[in-house]
Amino acid sequence: ASYKELKEAFVSNLNGTNVSEIAILLTILPAGDFCRGLLGLFWAGSASAGAHRVAFVRDFLLLVLPYTLSTTVLAPHITLEKITKFAWNNAKELHTRMTSHACISRKKWHRVMVTFAKLMLNVSENPKEEGHVRCLTQFRAYTNLLTIVCILAVDFRAFPRRFAKTEIHGTGLMDLGVGTFVLSNALVSPEAR
């Protein structure tokens, strides 16, 4: 068989996966963003010369790397039970560390959590951000990251075939990517307003 035929066979006749597996994968980005937000609050005010580099590395480690690994080499190991257990254990550990007097005072912890809640609820005290919907920006960023990772990884064996675009029936991660990409751009389209 020629290279072209082998390539076509590699991406043909795919049935996809179930919706719950896709939902589990989609929780990774908001969870990383949540951790990123908490770290950002604790490191707020550190405007050193290398702060942008640190922010870039932090964003890569908390947003891009976990999602890339979970859709490639870690895909066989990701289950709802493991994700829930991991999140619960880390939430307990974070709460224990943050409420201990050695780490942070209760007053500062309360201030951090109120600020974080305002960020999550899109309450802004900055007049420049008036009318800016933060969750829409995050949704578009997640969609772009999902699309980029899937398009770049689909040609390699590390990307599970069940996440690739389906042809006849079923649903795959790339099928969701197509729909969310169209939706995310339609939401900000000037023609749609």
N, C-alpha and C. Protein backbone atom coordinates (compact mmCIF):
# COMPACT_ATOMS: atom_id res chain seq x y z
N ALA A 1 0.84 -1.18 0.00
CA ALA A 1 0.00 0.00 0.00
C ALA A 1 0.89 1.25 0.00
N SER A 2 0.41 2.26 -0.68
CA SER A 2 1.17 3.50 -0.75
C SER A 2 1.03 4.30 0.55
N TYR A 3 1.87 5.29 0.70
CA TYR A 3 1.83 6.14 1.89
C TYR A 3 0.47 6.83 2.01
N LYS A 4 -0.06 7.29 0.89
CA LYS A 4 -1.36 7.97 0.89
C LYS A 4 -2.47 7.03 1.37
N GLU A 5 -2.47 5.80 0.92
CA GLU A 5 -3.48 4.83 1.34
C GLU A 5 -3.35 4.50 2.82
N LEU A 6 -2.12 4.36 3.30
CA LEU A 6 -1.90 4.11 4.72
C LEU A 6 -2.40 5.27 5.57
N LYS A 7 -2.13 6.47 5.11
CA LYS A 7 -2.56 7.68 5.83
C LYS A 7 -4.09 7.75 5.88
N GLU A 8 -4.75 7.48 4.76
CA GLU A 8 -6.21 7.50 4.71
C GLU A 8 -6.81 6.42 5.60
N ALA A 9 -6.21 5.25 5.62
CA ALA A 9 -6.70 4.17 6.48
C ALA A 9 -6.55 4.52 7.95
N PHE A 10 -5.50 5.29 8.27
CA PHE A 10 -5.24 5.68 9.66
C PHE A 10 -6.32 6.61 10.20
N VAL A 11 -6.90 7.44 9.35
CA VAL A 11 -7.90 8.42 9.79
C VAL A 11 -9.31 8.09 9.29
N SER A 12 -9.54 6.89 8.81
CA SER A 12 -10.85 6.52 8.27
C SER A 12 -11.56 5.52 9.18
N ASN A 13 -12.90 5.46 9.00
CA ASN A 13 -13.76 4.50 9.69
C ASN A 13 -13.64 4.58 11.22
N LEU A 14 -13.71 5.78 11.75
CA LEU A 14 -13.60 5.98 13.19
C LEU A 14 -14.99 6.16 13.80
N ASN A 15 -15.21 5.55 14.98
CA ASN A 15 -16.51 5.61 15.63
C ASN A 15 -16.55 6.56 16.82
N GLY A 16 -15.43 7.06 17.26
CA GLY A 16 -15.41 8.03 18.34
C GLY A 16 -15.46 7.39 19.71
N THR A 17 -15.96 8.15 20.67
CA THR A 17 -16.01 7.73 22.06
C THR A 17 -17.35 8.13 22.65
N ASN A 18 -17.50 7.99 23.96
CA ASN A 18 -18.76 8.40 24.58
C ASN A 18 -18.66 9.83 25.09
N VAL A 19 -19.80 10.42 25.33
CA VAL A 19 -19.86 11.82 25.72
C VAL A 19 -19.23 12.04 27.09
N SER A 20 -19.35 11.07 27.99
CA SER A 20 -18.78 11.25 29.33
C SER A 20 -17.26 11.37 29.29
N GLU A 21 -16.61 10.63 28.41
CA GLU A 21 -15.15 10.75 28.31
C GLU A 21 -14.75 12.13 27.79
N ILE A 22 -15.51 12.65 26.85
CA ILE A 22 -15.23 13.99 26.34
C ILE A 22 -15.47 15.02 27.44
N ALA A 23 -16.54 14.84 28.22
CA ALA A 23 -16.82 15.76 29.32
C ALA A 23 -15.70 15.76 30.35
N ILE A 24 -15.16 14.59 30.64
CA ILE A 24 -14.03 14.50 31.58
C ILE A 24 -12.83 15.27 31.04
N LEU A 25 -12.54 15.10 29.77
CA LEU A 25 -11.41 15.82 29.17
C LEU A 25 -11.63 17.33 29.20
N LEU A 26 -12.87 17.74 29.03
CA LEU A 26 -13.15 19.18 29.01
C LEU A 26 -13.07 19.82 30.38
N THR A 27 -13.07 19.04 31.46
CA THR A 27 -12.92 19.61 32.80
C THR A 27 -11.48 19.98 33.11
N ILE A 28 -10.55 19.47 32.33
CA ILE A 28 -9.13 19.71 32.61
C ILE A 28 -8.77 21.18 32.41
N LEU A 29 -9.28 21.81 31.36
CA LEU A 29 -8.95 23.21 31.11
C LEU A 29 -9.51 24.15 32.18
N PRO A 30 -10.79 24.06 32.56
CA PRO A 30 -11.27 24.93 33.64
C PRO A 30 -10.57 24.67 34.97
N ALA A 31 -10.23 23.41 35.24
CA ALA A 31 -9.50 23.11 36.48
C ALA A 31 -8.13 23.76 36.48
N GLY A 32 -7.44 23.70 35.35
CA GLY A 32 -6.15 24.37 35.23
C GLY A 32 -6.28 25.88 35.34
N ASP A 33 -7.34 26.41 34.76
CA ASP A 33 -7.59 27.85 34.85
C ASP A 33 -7.90 28.26 36.28
N PHE A 34 -8.62 27.42 37.00
CA PHE A 34 -8.92 27.67 38.41
C PHE A 34 -7.63 27.75 39.22
N CYS A 35 -6.75 26.77 39.02
CA CYS A 35 -5.45 26.77 39.72
C CYS A 35 -4.62 27.98 39.32
N ARG A 36 -4.66 28.33 38.06
CA ARG A 36 -3.94 29.50 37.55
C ARG A 36 -4.45 30.77 38.23
N GLY A 37 -5.76 30.87 38.38
CA GLY A 37 -6.35 32.04 39.04
C GLY A 37 -5.94 32.14 40.50
N LEU A 38 -5.95 31.01 41.20
CA LEU A 38 -5.53 31.02 42.60
C LEU A 38 -4.07 31.42 42.74
N LEU A 39 -3.22 30.86 41.91
CA LEU A 39 -1.80 31.22 41.96
C LEU A 39 -1.60 32.69 41.62
N GLY A 40 -2.35 33.18 40.66
CA GLY A 40 -2.26 34.59 40.27
C GLY A 40 -2.63 35.52 41.40
N LEU A 41 -3.62 35.12 42.20
CA LEU A 41 -4.02 35.95 43.33
C LEU A 41 -2.95 35.99 44.41
N PHE A 42 -2.32 34.87 44.65
CA PHE A 42 -1.29 34.83 45.68
C PHE A 42 -0.01 35.52 45.24
N TRP A 43 0.24 35.55 43.94
CA TRP A 43 1.44 36.21 43.43
C TRP A 43 1.16 37.60 42.90
N ALA A 44 -0.04 38.11 43.14
CA ALA A 44 -0.39 39.44 42.63
C ALA A 44 0.54 40.48 43.25
N GLY A 45 0.91 41.43 42.45
CA GLY A 45 1.77 42.50 42.93
C GLY A 45 3.24 42.24 42.70
N SER A 46 3.59 41.07 42.24
CA SER A 46 5.00 40.80 41.97
C SER A 46 5.30 41.20 40.52
N ALA A 47 5.65 42.45 40.35
CA ALA A 47 5.90 42.99 39.01
C ALA A 47 7.40 43.04 38.74
N SER A 48 8.05 41.92 38.90
CA SER A 48 9.49 41.88 38.65
C SER A 48 9.74 41.83 37.15
N ALA A 49 11.02 41.95 36.80
CA ALA A 49 11.39 41.97 35.38
C ALA A 49 11.04 40.66 34.69
N GLY A 50 11.10 39.55 35.40
CA GLY A 50 10.81 38.25 34.80
C GLY A 50 9.39 37.77 35.02
N ALA A 51 8.50 38.66 35.46
CA ALA A 51 7.12 38.25 35.77
C ALA A 51 6.39 37.71 34.56
N HIS A 52 6.65 38.27 33.39
CA HIS A 52 5.98 37.79 32.18
C HIS A 52 6.44 36.38 31.81
N ARG A 53 7.73 36.13 32.01
CA ARG A 53 8.24 34.79 31.72
C ARG A 53 7.67 33.77 32.69
N VAL A 54 7.60 34.17 33.96
CA VAL A 54 7.03 33.28 34.97
C VAL A 54 5.56 33.00 34.65
N ALA A 55 4.82 34.03 34.25
CA ALA A 55 3.41 33.86 33.90
C ALA A 55 3.25 32.95 32.69
N PHE A 56 4.14 33.09 31.72
CA PHE A 56 4.09 32.23 30.53
C PHE A 56 4.33 30.77 30.90
N VAL A 57 5.35 30.53 31.71
CA VAL A 57 5.67 29.16 32.14
C VAL A 57 4.52 28.60 32.97
N ARG A 58 3.97 29.41 33.88
CA ARG A 58 2.84 28.99 34.71
C ARG A 58 1.65 28.60 33.83
N ASP A 59 1.32 29.45 32.86
CA ASP A 59 0.19 29.17 31.97
C ASP A 59 0.43 27.91 31.16
N PHE A 60 1.64 27.73 30.68
CA PHE A 60 1.95 26.53 29.91
C PHE A 60 1.81 25.28 30.78
N LEU A 61 2.35 25.34 32.00
CA LEU A 61 2.31 24.17 32.88
C LEU A 61 0.91 23.85 33.39
N LEU A 62 0.07 24.86 33.57
CA LEU A 62 -1.26 24.63 34.12
C LEU A 62 -2.36 24.50 33.08
N LEU A 63 -2.15 25.01 31.88
CA LEU A 63 -3.21 24.97 30.87
C LEU A 63 -2.85 24.08 29.68
N VAL A 64 -1.74 24.34 29.05
CA VAL A 64 -1.40 23.64 27.81
C VAL A 64 -0.91 22.22 28.07
N LEU A 65 0.05 22.07 28.94
CA LEU A 65 0.66 20.75 29.17
C LEU A 65 -0.33 19.70 29.68
N PRO A 66 -1.14 19.99 30.72
CA PRO A 66 -2.08 18.96 31.17
C PRO A 66 -3.07 18.53 30.10
N TYR A 67 -3.55 19.49 29.32
CA TYR A 67 -4.52 19.15 28.28
C TYR A 67 -3.87 18.34 27.16
N THR A 68 -2.67 18.74 26.78
CA THR A 68 -1.95 18.01 25.73
C THR A 68 -1.65 16.58 26.17
N LEU A 69 -1.17 16.42 27.38
CA LEU A 69 -0.87 15.08 27.88
C LEU A 69 -2.13 14.23 28.03
N SER A 70 -3.22 14.85 28.48
CA SER A 70 -4.45 14.07 28.70
C SER A 70 -5.12 13.65 27.40
N THR A 71 -4.84 14.34 26.32
CA THR A 71 -5.42 13.93 25.04
C THR A 71 -4.45 13.09 24.21
N THR A 72 -3.29 12.82 24.76
CA THR A 72 -2.33 11.98 24.02
C THR A 72 -1.88 10.81 24.90
N VAL A 73 -0.74 10.93 25.53
CA VAL A 73 -0.14 9.78 26.22
C VAL A 73 -0.86 9.37 27.50
N LEU A 74 -1.56 10.29 28.16
CA LEU A 74 -2.27 9.93 29.39
C LEU A 74 -3.73 9.56 29.15
N ALA A 75 -4.20 9.62 27.93
CA ALA A 75 -5.61 9.35 27.62
C ALA A 75 -6.10 7.99 28.12
N PRO A 76 -5.31 6.93 28.02
CA PRO A 76 -5.82 5.64 28.51
C PRO A 76 -6.00 5.59 30.03
N HIS A 77 -5.39 6.52 30.75
CA HIS A 77 -5.41 6.48 32.21
C HIS A 77 -6.39 7.45 32.84
N ILE A 78 -7.08 8.25 32.04
CA ILE A 78 -7.96 9.27 32.59
C ILE A 78 -9.38 8.73 32.71
N THR A 79 -9.87 8.69 33.95
CA THR A 79 -11.25 8.27 34.21
C THR A 79 -11.88 9.28 35.15
N LEU A 80 -13.19 9.27 35.23
CA LEU A 80 -13.90 10.19 36.12
C LEU A 80 -13.49 9.96 37.56
N GLU A 81 -13.32 8.72 37.94
CA GLU A 81 -12.94 8.40 39.31
C GLU A 81 -11.57 8.99 39.65
N LYS A 82 -10.61 8.85 38.76
CA LYS A 82 -9.26 9.37 39.00
C LYS A 82 -9.25 10.89 39.04
N ILE A 83 -9.98 11.52 38.13
CA ILE A 83 -10.04 12.99 38.11
C ILE A 83 -10.68 13.52 39.39
N THR A 84 -11.78 12.91 39.82
CA THR A 84 -12.47 13.34 41.03
C THR A 84 -11.59 13.16 42.25
N LYS A 85 -10.94 12.02 42.35
CA LYS A 85 -10.06 11.75 43.49
C LYS A 85 -8.90 12.74 43.52
N PHE A 86 -8.29 12.99 42.37
CA PHE A 86 -7.18 13.94 42.27
C PHE A 86 -7.63 15.34 42.69
N ALA A 87 -8.78 15.79 42.17
CA ALA A 87 -9.28 17.13 42.49
C ALA A 87 -9.63 17.25 43.97
N TRP A 88 -10.28 16.24 44.52
CA TRP A 88 -10.68 16.28 45.92
C TRP A 88 -9.45 16.31 46.84
N ASN A 89 -8.49 15.46 46.58
CA ASN A 89 -7.28 15.43 47.41
C ASN A 89 -6.52 16.74 47.33
N ASN A 90 -6.40 17.31 46.15
CA ASN A 90 -5.69 18.58 46.02
C ASN A 90 -6.46 19.73 46.64
N ALA A 91 -7.78 19.72 46.56
CA ALA A 91 -8.59 20.77 47.19
C ALA A 91 -8.44 20.70 48.71
N LYS A 92 -8.46 19.49 49.27
CA LYS A 92 -8.27 19.34 50.72
C LYS A 92 -6.89 19.83 51.13
N GLU A 93 -5.88 19.45 50.37
CA GLU A 93 -4.51 19.85 50.69
C GLU A 93 -4.35 21.37 50.60
N LEU A 94 -4.91 21.97 49.56
CA LEU A 94 -4.85 23.43 49.40
C LEU A 94 -5.53 24.12 50.56
N HIS A 95 -6.71 23.65 50.93
CA HIS A 95 -7.44 24.26 52.04
C HIS A 95 -6.66 24.13 53.34
N THR A 96 -6.09 22.98 53.59
CA THR A 96 -5.31 22.76 54.81
C THR A 96 -4.11 23.70 54.86
N ARG A 97 -3.40 23.81 53.76
CA ARG A 97 -2.21 24.67 53.73
C ARG A 97 -2.56 26.15 53.83
N MET A 98 -3.63 26.54 53.14
CA MET A 98 -3.97 27.96 53.10
C MET A 98 -4.60 28.46 54.39
N THR A 99 -5.22 27.58 55.15
CA THR A 99 -5.84 28.03 56.39
C THR A 99 -4.93 27.84 57.60
N SER A 100 -3.78 27.22 57.41
CA SER A 100 -2.84 27.09 58.52
C SER A 100 -2.18 28.45 58.76
N HIS A 101 -1.89 28.75 60.01
CA HIS A 101 -1.32 30.06 60.34
C HIS A 101 0.10 30.21 59.81
N ALA A 102 0.77 29.10 59.56
CA ALA A 102 2.14 29.18 59.04
C ALA A 102 2.17 29.70 57.61
N CYS A 103 1.10 29.48 56.89
CA CYS A 103 1.11 29.84 55.47
C CYS A 103 0.49 31.21 55.22
N ILE A 104 -0.70 31.43 55.74
CA ILE A 104 -1.43 32.65 55.41
C ILE A 104 -2.45 32.94 56.51
N SER A 105 -2.64 34.21 56.80
CA SER A 105 -3.61 34.56 57.84
C SER A 105 -5.03 34.36 57.32
N ARG A 106 -5.97 34.16 58.24
CA ARG A 106 -7.36 33.97 57.84
C ARG A 106 -7.91 35.20 57.13
N LYS A 107 -7.48 36.38 57.57
CA LYS A 107 -7.96 37.62 56.95
C LYS A 107 -7.50 37.70 55.49
N LYS A 108 -6.23 37.40 55.26
CA LYS A 108 -5.72 37.43 53.90
C LYS A 108 -6.38 36.33 53.06
N TRP A 109 -6.58 35.15 53.66
CA TRP A 109 -7.26 34.06 52.95
C TRP A 109 -8.66 34.50 52.53
N HIS A 110 -9.38 35.15 53.43
CA HIS A 110 -10.73 35.62 53.11
C HIS A 110 -10.69 36.65 51.98
N ARG A 111 -9.74 37.58 52.04
CA ARG A 111 -9.62 38.59 50.99
C ARG A 111 -9.30 37.95 49.63
N VAL A 112 -8.42 36.97 49.65
CA VAL A 112 -8.07 36.27 48.41
C VAL A 112 -9.29 35.55 47.84
N MET A 113 -10.05 34.87 48.69
CA MET A 113 -11.21 34.13 48.21
C MET A 113 -12.31 35.06 47.71
N VAL A 114 -12.51 36.22 48.35
CA VAL A 114 -13.50 37.19 47.87
C VAL A 114 -13.08 37.73 46.51
N THR A 115 -11.81 38.07 46.37
CA THR A 115 -11.31 38.55 45.07
C THR A 115 -11.46 37.49 44.00
N PHE A 116 -11.14 36.25 44.36
CA PHE A 116 -11.27 35.16 43.39
C PHE A 116 -12.73 34.95 43.00
N ALA A 117 -13.63 35.02 43.96
CA ALA A 117 -15.06 34.87 43.66
C ALA A 117 -15.53 35.97 42.72
N LYS A 118 -15.05 37.19 42.93
CA LYS A 118 -15.41 38.29 42.02
C LYS A 118 -14.91 38.02 40.61
N LEU A 119 -13.69 37.50 40.52
CA LEU A 119 -13.15 37.16 39.20
C LEU A 119 -13.98 36.08 38.52
N MET A 120 -14.35 35.06 39.29
CA MET A 120 -15.12 33.96 38.72
C MET A 120 -16.52 34.41 38.31
N LEU A 121 -17.09 35.35 39.06
CA LEU A 121 -18.44 35.84 38.75
C LEU A 121 -18.42 37.01 37.78
N ASN A 122 -17.22 37.34 37.29
CA ASN A 122 -17.06 38.40 36.30
C ASN A 122 -17.43 39.78 36.84
N VAL A 123 -17.16 40.01 38.13
CA VAL A 123 -17.39 41.32 38.73
C VAL A 123 -16.07 42.08 38.64
N SER A 124 -16.07 43.15 37.89
CA SER A 124 -14.83 43.89 37.67
C SER A 124 -14.94 45.30 38.24
N GLU A 125 -13.87 45.72 38.92
CA GLU A 125 -13.82 47.10 39.38
C GLU A 125 -13.06 47.98 38.39
N ASN A 126 -12.60 47.39 37.31
CA ASN A 126 -11.83 48.11 36.30
C ASN A 126 -12.78 48.64 35.22
N PRO A 127 -12.90 49.97 35.08
CA PRO A 127 -13.82 50.50 34.08
C PRO A 127 -13.43 50.16 32.64
N LYS A 128 -12.15 49.84 32.40
CA LYS A 128 -11.73 49.46 31.04
C LYS A 128 -12.34 48.13 30.61
N GLU A 129 -12.69 47.30 31.59
CA GLU A 129 -13.24 45.98 31.27
C GLU A 129 -14.77 45.99 31.23
N GLU A 130 -15.38 47.14 31.29
CA GLU A 130 -16.84 47.22 31.25
C GLU A 130 -17.37 46.63 29.96
N GLY A 131 -18.31 45.71 30.06
CA GLY A 131 -18.88 45.07 28.88
C GLY A 131 -18.06 43.91 28.36
N HIS A 132 -16.92 43.65 28.97
CA HIS A 132 -16.05 42.54 28.55
C HIS A 132 -16.48 41.29 29.32
N VAL A 133 -16.86 40.26 28.62
CA VAL A 133 -17.33 39.03 29.26
C VAL A 133 -16.16 38.05 29.35
N ARG A 134 -15.62 37.94 30.55
CA ARG A 134 -14.42 37.13 30.77
C ARG A 134 -14.66 35.66 30.44
N CYS A 135 -15.83 35.14 30.80
CA CYS A 135 -16.07 33.71 30.55
C CYS A 135 -16.14 33.42 29.06
N LEU A 136 -16.57 34.37 28.26
CA LEU A 136 -16.59 34.18 26.81
C LEU A 136 -15.16 34.14 26.25
N THR A 137 -14.31 35.00 26.78
CA THR A 137 -12.90 34.98 26.38
C THR A 137 -12.26 33.65 26.75
N GLN A 138 -12.55 33.16 27.95
CA GLN A 138 -12.00 31.87 28.37
C GLN A 138 -12.52 30.74 27.49
N PHE A 139 -13.80 30.77 27.17
CA PHE A 139 -14.38 29.74 26.31
C PHE A 139 -13.70 29.73 24.95
N ARG A 140 -13.47 30.90 24.40
CA ARG A 140 -12.80 31.00 23.09
C ARG A 140 -11.35 30.51 23.19
N ALA A 141 -10.68 30.83 24.29
CA ALA A 141 -9.30 30.36 24.47
C ALA A 141 -9.26 28.84 24.60
N TYR A 142 -10.18 28.27 25.38
CA TYR A 142 -10.26 26.81 25.51
C TYR A 142 -10.51 26.17 24.16
N THR A 143 -11.42 26.75 23.40
CA THR A 143 -11.76 26.21 22.08
C THR A 143 -10.55 26.23 21.16
N ASN A 144 -9.82 27.33 21.16
CA ASN A 144 -8.63 27.42 20.31
C ASN A 144 -7.56 26.42 20.74
N LEU A 145 -7.37 26.28 22.05
CA LEU A 145 -6.38 25.31 22.53
C LEU A 145 -6.79 23.89 22.16
N LEU A 146 -8.06 23.56 22.36
CA LEU A 146 -8.57 22.24 21.99
C LEU A 146 -8.34 21.97 20.51
N THR A 147 -8.65 22.95 19.69
CA THR A 147 -8.51 22.81 18.24
C THR A 147 -7.04 22.63 17.84
N ILE A 148 -6.18 23.45 18.40
CA ILE A 148 -4.75 23.38 18.07
C ILE A 148 -4.16 22.02 18.46
N VAL A 149 -4.42 21.60 19.69
CA VAL A 149 -3.85 20.33 20.16
C VAL A 149 -4.36 19.17 19.31
N CYS A 150 -5.66 19.14 19.05
CA CYS A 150 -6.22 18.02 18.28
C CYS A 150 -5.72 18.01 16.84
N ILE A 151 -5.68 19.15 16.20
CA ILE A 151 -5.23 19.19 14.80
C ILE A 151 -3.76 18.78 14.68
N LEU A 152 -2.94 19.23 15.63
CA LEU A 152 -1.52 18.88 15.56
C LEU A 152 -1.27 17.42 15.96
N ALA A 153 -2.08 16.89 16.87
CA ALA A 153 -1.81 15.55 17.39
C ALA A 153 -2.47 14.43 16.59
N VAL A 154 -3.51 14.73 15.84
CA VAL A 154 -4.30 13.67 15.19
C VAL A 154 -3.49 12.82 14.22
N ASP A 155 -2.43 13.34 13.68
CA ASP A 155 -1.63 12.60 12.72
C ASP A 155 -0.63 11.63 13.36
N PHE A 156 -0.59 11.62 14.69
CA PHE A 156 0.37 10.77 15.39
C PHE A 156 -0.34 9.66 16.15
N ARG A 157 0.36 8.58 16.36
CA ARG A 157 -0.22 7.42 17.06
C ARG A 157 -0.50 7.72 18.53
N ALA A 158 0.14 8.71 19.11
CA ALA A 158 -0.09 9.06 20.51
C ALA A 158 -1.50 9.60 20.73
N PHE A 159 -2.12 10.12 19.68
CA PHE A 159 -3.48 10.66 19.77
C PHE A 159 -4.46 9.50 19.58
N PRO A 160 -5.27 9.19 20.59
CA PRO A 160 -6.20 8.06 20.47
C PRO A 160 -7.18 8.25 19.31
N ARG A 161 -7.38 7.21 18.56
CA ARG A 161 -8.28 7.26 17.40
C ARG A 161 -9.70 7.60 17.81
N ARG A 162 -10.09 7.28 19.04
CA ARG A 162 -11.46 7.56 19.47
C ARG A 162 -11.73 9.06 19.63
N PHE A 163 -10.68 9.87 19.72
CA PHE A 163 -10.86 11.32 19.83
C PHE A 163 -10.91 12.00 18.47
N ALA A 164 -10.51 11.29 17.43
CA ALA A 164 -10.48 11.88 16.09
C ALA A 164 -11.90 12.08 15.55
N LYS A 165 -12.00 12.81 14.47
CA LYS A 165 -13.30 13.10 13.86
C LYS A 165 -13.93 11.81 13.34
N THR A 166 -15.20 11.63 13.67
CA THR A 166 -15.91 10.43 13.23
C THR A 166 -16.49 10.65 11.83
N GLU A 167 -16.76 9.55 11.15
CA GLU A 167 -17.27 9.66 9.78
C GLU A 167 -18.73 9.25 9.65
N ILE A 168 -19.12 8.16 10.29
CA ILE A 168 -20.47 7.64 10.09
C ILE A 168 -21.36 7.96 11.28
N HIS A 169 -20.98 7.51 12.46
CA HIS A 169 -21.76 7.79 13.66
C HIS A 169 -20.82 7.90 14.84
N GLY A 170 -21.35 8.32 15.98
CA GLY A 170 -20.53 8.49 17.16
C GLY A 170 -20.09 9.93 17.32
N THR A 171 -19.31 10.16 18.36
CA THR A 171 -18.80 11.51 18.60
C THR A 171 -17.35 11.41 19.07
N GLY A 172 -16.57 12.34 18.60
CA GLY A 172 -15.16 12.40 18.99
C GLY A 172 -14.84 13.79 19.51
N LEU A 173 -13.70 13.91 20.10
CA LEU A 173 -13.26 15.21 20.62
C LEU A 173 -13.14 16.23 19.50
N MET A 174 -12.70 15.79 18.34
CA MET A 174 -12.56 16.72 17.22
C MET A 174 -13.93 17.15 16.67
N ASP A 175 -14.94 16.30 16.79
CA ASP A 175 -16.30 16.70 16.40
C ASP A 175 -16.79 17.84 17.29
N LEU A 176 -16.51 17.72 18.57
CA LEU A 176 -16.88 18.79 19.49
C LEU A 176 -16.10 20.05 19.16
N GLY A 177 -14.83 19.90 18.79
CA GLY A 177 -14.00 21.05 18.43
C GLY A 177 -14.57 21.84 17.28
N VAL A 178 -15.10 21.14 16.28
CA VAL A 178 -15.70 21.83 15.12
C VAL A 178 -16.89 22.67 15.57
N GLY A 179 -17.77 22.07 16.35
CA GLY A 179 -18.96 22.78 16.81
C GLY A 179 -18.65 23.96 17.71
N THR A 180 -17.74 23.77 18.66
CA THR A 180 -17.41 24.86 19.57
C THR A 180 -16.64 25.97 18.87
N PHE A 181 -15.85 25.62 17.87
CA PHE A 181 -15.12 26.64 17.12
C PHE A 181 -16.11 27.55 16.39
N VAL A 182 -17.09 26.96 15.75
CA VAL A 182 -18.12 27.75 15.05
C VAL A 182 -18.90 28.59 16.05
N LEU A 183 -19.31 27.98 17.17
CA LEU A 183 -20.08 28.71 18.18
C LEU A 183 -19.28 29.85 18.78
N SER A 184 -18.02 29.60 19.15
CA SER A 184 -17.22 30.65 19.80
C SER A 184 -17.00 31.84 18.88
N ASN A 185 -16.86 31.61 17.60
CA ASN A 185 -16.70 32.73 16.68
C ASN A 185 -18.02 33.41 16.37
N ALA A 186 -19.11 32.66 16.38
CA ALA A 186 -20.42 33.27 16.15
C ALA A 186 -20.82 34.18 17.30
N LEU A 187 -20.39 33.85 18.52
CA LEU A 187 -20.76 34.66 19.68
C LEU A 187 -20.15 36.06 19.65
N VAL A 188 -19.02 36.21 18.99
CA VAL A 188 -18.36 37.52 18.94
C VAL A 188 -18.43 38.15 17.55
N SER A 189 -19.12 37.52 16.65
CA SER A 189 -19.22 38.02 15.28
C SER A 189 -19.99 39.34 15.24
N PRO A 190 -19.45 40.38 14.59
CA PRO A 190 -20.18 41.64 14.49
C PRO A 190 -21.49 41.49 13.71
N GLU A 191 -21.52 40.55 12.77
CA GLU A 191 -22.73 40.34 12.00
C GLU A 191 -23.85 39.76 12.85
N ALA A 192 -23.50 39.00 13.88
CA ALA A 192 -24.51 38.38 14.74
C ALA A 192 -25.09 39.36 15.74
N ARG A 193 -24.42 40.46 15.94
CA ARG A 193 -24.92 41.45 16.91
C ARG A 193 -26.00 42.24 16.26
